Amino acid sequence: MNEGKTYYIYILECSNGSYYTGYTTDIERRYKEHLARTDKCKYTRGFPPVRIAACWSIDFGDLSDVLKIERHIKQMPHAEKTKLILEPGLFHEVARID
């Protein structure tokens, strides 16, 4: 059960060419926080986002499932994240982690 909330997992492309992966319940608000370099956004204060490279809404599971998926993506090598961005349908395979 997803606790009645919609979660989003997103990947930002940052000014240094890196990717930042996060989750939120409000993608528009969260992206604005990254752009504004708020205290909540430690990494993107130093390397501001250039764009939202990918974003997926999660309509299954709960917050712990979302956090597992986020952690899995964060641990992926840059090349795999690039592939995921270019082929967003692969997210369903990534989301099937144990």
N, C-alpha and C. Protein backbone atom coordinates (compact mmCIF):
# COMPACT_ATOMS: atom_id res chain seq x y z
N MET A 1 0.85 -1.18 0.00
CA MET A 1 0.00 0.00 0.00
C MET A 1 0.89 1.24 0.00
N ASN A 2 0.47 2.28 -0.70
CA ASN A 2 1.30 3.47 -0.82
C ASN A 2 0.91 4.59 0.15
N GLU A 3 0.19 4.27 1.21
CA GLU A 3 -0.16 5.23 2.26
C GLU A 3 -0.98 6.40 1.74
N GLY A 4 -1.59 6.26 0.55
CA GLY A 4 -2.41 7.32 -0.01
C GLY A 4 -1.62 8.47 -0.60
N LYS A 5 -0.30 8.35 -0.67
CA LYS A 5 0.54 9.41 -1.21
C LYS A 5 1.12 8.97 -2.55
N THR A 6 1.38 9.95 -3.38
CA THR A 6 2.13 9.68 -4.59
C THR A 6 3.56 10.14 -4.34
N TYR A 7 4.49 9.25 -4.55
CA TYR A 7 5.90 9.58 -4.41
C TYR A 7 6.51 9.69 -5.80
N TYR A 8 7.55 10.49 -5.90
CA TYR A 8 8.30 10.64 -7.14
C TYR A 8 9.76 10.36 -6.86
N ILE A 9 10.37 9.59 -7.72
CA ILE A 9 11.81 9.42 -7.70
C ILE A 9 12.32 10.18 -8.92
N TYR A 10 13.34 11.00 -8.71
CA TYR A 10 13.80 11.84 -9.79
C TYR A 10 15.33 11.81 -9.87
N ILE A 11 15.82 12.11 -11.06
CA ILE A 11 17.25 12.27 -11.28
C ILE A 11 17.46 13.65 -11.88
N LEU A 12 18.32 14.43 -11.22
CA LEU A 12 18.70 15.74 -11.74
C LEU A 12 20.06 15.64 -12.40
N GLU A 13 20.21 16.34 -13.51
CA GLU A 13 21.54 16.49 -14.09
C GLU A 13 22.10 17.78 -13.51
N CYS A 14 23.29 17.70 -12.93
CA CYS A 14 23.87 18.84 -12.25
C CYS A 14 24.92 19.54 -13.12
N SER A 15 25.27 20.74 -12.70
CA SER A 15 26.17 21.60 -13.49
C SER A 15 27.55 20.98 -13.71
N ASN A 16 27.96 20.05 -12.86
CA ASN A 16 29.26 19.40 -13.02
C ASN A 16 29.18 18.10 -13.81
N GLY A 17 27.99 17.81 -14.38
CA GLY A 17 27.80 16.60 -15.17
C GLY A 17 27.38 15.39 -14.37
N SER A 18 27.31 15.53 -13.06
CA SER A 18 26.89 14.41 -12.21
C SER A 18 25.37 14.32 -12.18
N TYR A 19 24.89 13.24 -11.61
CA TYR A 19 23.45 13.06 -11.41
C TYR A 19 23.15 13.06 -9.92
N TYR A 20 22.06 13.68 -9.57
CA TYR A 20 21.57 13.65 -8.19
C TYR A 20 20.23 12.92 -8.21
N THR A 21 20.08 11.93 -7.36
CA THR A 21 18.83 11.16 -7.27
C THR A 21 18.16 11.46 -5.95
N GLY A 22 16.85 11.67 -6.00
CA GLY A 22 16.09 11.93 -4.79
C GLY A 22 14.66 11.46 -4.92
N TYR A 23 13.90 11.67 -3.85
CA TYR A 23 12.47 11.34 -3.87
C TYR A 23 11.72 12.49 -3.23
N THR A 24 10.45 12.58 -3.55
CA THR A 24 9.61 13.64 -3.00
C THR A 24 8.14 13.28 -3.19
N THR A 25 7.27 14.04 -2.55
CA THR A 25 5.83 13.92 -2.82
C THR A 25 5.35 15.08 -3.68
N ASP A 26 6.23 16.06 -3.92
CA ASP A 26 5.88 17.23 -4.72
C ASP A 26 7.10 17.63 -5.57
N ILE A 27 7.15 17.14 -6.79
CA ILE A 27 8.32 17.33 -7.64
C ILE A 27 8.56 18.80 -7.97
N GLU A 28 7.51 19.56 -8.22
CA GLU A 28 7.67 20.97 -8.55
C GLU A 28 8.29 21.75 -7.39
N ARG A 29 7.77 21.55 -6.19
CA ARG A 29 8.32 22.23 -5.01
C ARG A 29 9.76 21.82 -4.78
N ARG A 30 10.02 20.54 -4.89
CA ARG A 30 11.37 20.04 -4.60
C ARG A 30 12.39 20.57 -5.61
N TYR A 31 12.01 20.62 -6.88
CA TYR A 31 12.94 21.14 -7.88
C TYR A 31 13.23 22.62 -7.62
N LYS A 32 12.22 23.37 -7.24
CA LYS A 32 12.43 24.78 -6.90
C LYS A 32 13.38 24.92 -5.72
N GLU A 33 13.28 24.01 -4.74
CA GLU A 33 14.21 24.03 -3.61
C GLU A 33 15.64 23.79 -4.08
N HIS A 34 15.81 22.85 -5.01
CA HIS A 34 17.15 22.60 -5.55
C HIS A 34 17.67 23.83 -6.28
N LEU A 35 16.84 24.45 -7.09
CA LEU A 35 17.26 25.64 -7.84
C LEU A 35 17.62 26.79 -6.91
N ALA A 36 16.87 26.92 -5.81
CA ALA A 36 17.11 27.99 -4.84
C ALA A 36 18.29 27.70 -3.91
N ARG A 37 18.81 26.48 -3.99
CA ARG A 37 19.95 26.06 -3.18
C ARG A 37 19.67 26.19 -1.68
N THR A 38 18.49 25.73 -1.29
CA THR A 38 18.11 25.81 0.12
C THR A 38 18.98 24.89 0.97
N ASP A 39 18.89 25.08 2.28
CA ASP A 39 19.66 24.25 3.22
C ASP A 39 19.29 22.77 3.12
N LYS A 40 18.11 22.47 2.60
CA LYS A 40 17.67 21.09 2.44
C LYS A 40 18.41 20.37 1.31
N CYS A 41 19.11 21.13 0.49
CA CYS A 41 19.69 20.60 -0.74
C CYS A 41 21.21 20.72 -0.71
N LYS A 42 21.85 19.94 0.12
CA LYS A 42 23.29 20.09 0.33
C LYS A 42 24.10 19.88 -0.94
N TYR A 43 23.84 18.80 -1.66
CA TYR A 43 24.65 18.51 -2.85
C TYR A 43 24.43 19.54 -3.94
N THR A 44 23.17 19.88 -4.20
CA THR A 44 22.89 20.78 -5.32
C THR A 44 23.16 22.25 -4.99
N ARG A 45 23.49 22.55 -3.75
CA ARG A 45 23.97 23.91 -3.44
C ARG A 45 25.31 24.13 -4.12
N GLY A 46 26.14 23.10 -4.13
CA GLY A 46 27.46 23.20 -4.74
C GLY A 46 27.45 22.96 -6.24
N PHE A 47 26.54 22.11 -6.68
CA PHE A 47 26.44 21.74 -8.09
C PHE A 47 24.98 21.87 -8.52
N PRO A 48 24.53 23.09 -8.83
CA PRO A 48 23.11 23.31 -9.11
C PRO A 48 22.60 22.47 -10.28
N PRO A 49 21.33 22.13 -10.23
CA PRO A 49 20.76 21.33 -11.30
C PRO A 49 20.63 22.13 -12.59
N VAL A 50 20.84 21.42 -13.69
CA VAL A 50 20.66 21.98 -15.02
C VAL A 50 19.26 21.65 -15.52
N ARG A 51 18.80 20.44 -15.15
CA ARG A 51 17.47 19.99 -15.59
C ARG A 51 17.06 18.77 -14.79
N ILE A 52 15.77 18.48 -14.84
CA ILE A 52 15.27 17.20 -14.35
C ILE A 52 15.50 16.23 -15.49
N ALA A 53 16.41 15.30 -15.30
CA ALA A 53 16.76 14.35 -16.36
C ALA A 53 15.72 13.24 -16.47
N ALA A 54 15.13 12.86 -15.34
CA ALA A 54 14.11 11.80 -15.33
C ALA A 54 13.28 11.91 -14.06
N CYS A 55 12.05 11.45 -14.16
CA CYS A 55 11.15 11.47 -13.00
C CYS A 55 10.11 10.39 -13.19
N TRP A 56 9.87 9.62 -12.13
CA TRP A 56 8.87 8.56 -12.16
C TRP A 56 7.94 8.70 -10.96
N SER A 57 6.66 8.53 -11.19
CA SER A 57 5.72 8.51 -10.06
C SER A 57 5.59 7.08 -9.59
N ILE A 58 5.49 6.93 -8.29
CA ILE A 58 5.40 5.61 -7.67
C ILE A 58 3.99 5.45 -7.13
N ASP A 59 3.27 4.51 -7.69
CA ASP A 59 1.89 4.28 -7.24
C ASP A 59 1.74 2.89 -6.63
N PHE A 60 2.84 2.38 -6.10
CA PHE A 60 2.82 1.06 -5.46
C PHE A 60 3.73 1.12 -4.25
N GLY A 61 3.57 0.20 -3.35
CA GLY A 61 4.45 0.13 -2.20
C GLY A 61 4.23 1.26 -1.22
N ASP A 62 5.21 1.45 -0.36
CA ASP A 62 5.15 2.50 0.65
C ASP A 62 6.49 3.24 0.67
N LEU A 63 6.67 4.12 1.63
CA LEU A 63 7.88 4.92 1.68
C LEU A 63 9.13 4.06 1.75
N SER A 64 9.09 2.97 2.48
CA SER A 64 10.30 2.13 2.58
C SER A 64 10.66 1.55 1.22
N ASP A 65 9.66 1.22 0.40
CA ASP A 65 9.93 0.73 -0.95
C ASP A 65 10.56 1.83 -1.81
N VAL A 66 10.03 3.03 -1.69
CA VAL A 66 10.55 4.18 -2.44
C VAL A 66 12.01 4.43 -2.05
N LEU A 67 12.31 4.36 -0.76
CA LEU A 67 13.67 4.60 -0.29
C LEU A 67 14.63 3.52 -0.79
N LYS A 68 14.17 2.29 -0.88
CA LYS A 68 15.01 1.20 -1.41
C LYS A 68 15.33 1.44 -2.88
N ILE A 69 14.34 1.87 -3.65
CA ILE A 69 14.56 2.15 -5.07
C ILE A 69 15.52 3.32 -5.23
N GLU A 70 15.28 4.38 -4.44
CA GLU A 70 16.16 5.56 -4.50
C GLU A 70 17.60 5.16 -4.19
N ARG A 71 17.80 4.41 -3.14
CA ARG A 71 19.14 3.98 -2.74
C ARG A 71 19.80 3.15 -3.84
N HIS A 72 19.01 2.26 -4.45
CA HIS A 72 19.54 1.43 -5.54
C HIS A 72 20.01 2.29 -6.71
N ILE A 73 19.22 3.27 -7.10
CA ILE A 73 19.60 4.15 -8.20
C ILE A 73 20.84 4.97 -7.82
N LYS A 74 20.89 5.47 -6.60
CA LYS A 74 22.05 6.25 -6.15
C LYS A 74 23.34 5.44 -6.25
N GLN A 75 23.25 4.14 -6.05
CA GLN A 75 24.43 3.28 -6.07
C GLN A 75 24.82 2.84 -7.48
N MET A 76 23.99 3.12 -8.47
CA MET A 76 24.30 2.74 -9.84
C MET A 76 25.44 3.59 -10.39
N PRO A 77 26.29 3.01 -11.22
CA PRO A 77 27.33 3.81 -11.88
C PRO A 77 26.69 4.86 -12.81
N HIS A 78 27.44 5.90 -13.09
CA HIS A 78 26.96 7.01 -13.92
C HIS A 78 26.41 6.50 -15.26
N ALA A 79 27.11 5.57 -15.88
CA ALA A 79 26.70 5.04 -17.19
C ALA A 79 25.34 4.35 -17.11
N GLU A 80 25.09 3.64 -16.02
CA GLU A 80 23.79 2.97 -15.86
C GLU A 80 22.68 3.99 -15.63
N LYS A 81 22.98 5.05 -14.89
CA LYS A 81 21.98 6.11 -14.69
C LYS A 81 21.67 6.78 -16.02
N THR A 82 22.69 7.01 -16.84
CA THR A 82 22.48 7.60 -18.15
C THR A 82 21.56 6.71 -18.98
N LYS A 83 21.80 5.42 -18.95
CA LYS A 83 20.94 4.48 -19.69
C LYS A 83 19.51 4.53 -19.18
N LEU A 84 19.35 4.61 -17.87
CA LEU A 84 18.02 4.70 -17.27
C LEU A 84 17.31 5.98 -17.71
N ILE A 85 18.06 7.07 -17.80
CA ILE A 85 17.48 8.34 -18.24
C ILE A 85 17.06 8.25 -19.70
N LEU A 86 17.90 7.65 -20.52
CA LEU A 86 17.60 7.53 -21.95
C LEU A 86 16.52 6.50 -22.25
N GLU A 87 16.38 5.52 -21.36
CA GLU A 87 15.36 4.48 -21.53
C GLU A 87 14.53 4.39 -20.25
N PRO A 88 13.63 5.35 -20.03
CA PRO A 88 12.88 5.42 -18.77
C PRO A 88 12.06 4.17 -18.45
N GLY A 89 11.72 3.39 -19.46
CA GLY A 89 10.97 2.16 -19.22
C GLY A 89 11.75 1.14 -18.40
N LEU A 90 13.07 1.28 -18.35
CA LEU A 90 13.89 0.38 -17.54
C LEU A 90 13.65 0.55 -16.05
N PHE A 91 12.99 1.65 -15.69
CA PHE A 91 12.72 1.91 -14.27
C PHE A 91 11.96 0.75 -13.63
N HIS A 92 11.07 0.13 -14.37
CA HIS A 92 10.28 -0.97 -13.80
C HIS A 92 11.17 -2.14 -13.41
N GLU A 93 12.26 -2.35 -14.14
CA GLU A 93 13.21 -3.39 -13.76
C GLU A 93 13.98 -2.98 -12.50
N VAL A 94 14.38 -1.72 -12.44
CA VAL A 94 15.09 -1.21 -11.27
C VAL A 94 14.20 -1.25 -10.03
N ALA A 95 12.92 -0.99 -10.22
CA ALA A 95 11.98 -0.93 -9.09
C ALA A 95 11.68 -2.31 -8.52
N ARG A 96 12.08 -3.36 -9.18
CA ARG A 96 11.82 -4.73 -8.69
C ARG A 96 12.97 -5.25 -7.87
N ILE A 97 13.52 -4.43 -7.00
CA ILE A 97 14.62 -4.87 -6.16
C ILE A 97 14.07 -5.65 -4.98
N ASP A 98 14.91 -6.48 -4.38
CA ASP A 98 14.46 -7.30 -3.24
C ASP A 98 14.59 -6.55 -1.95
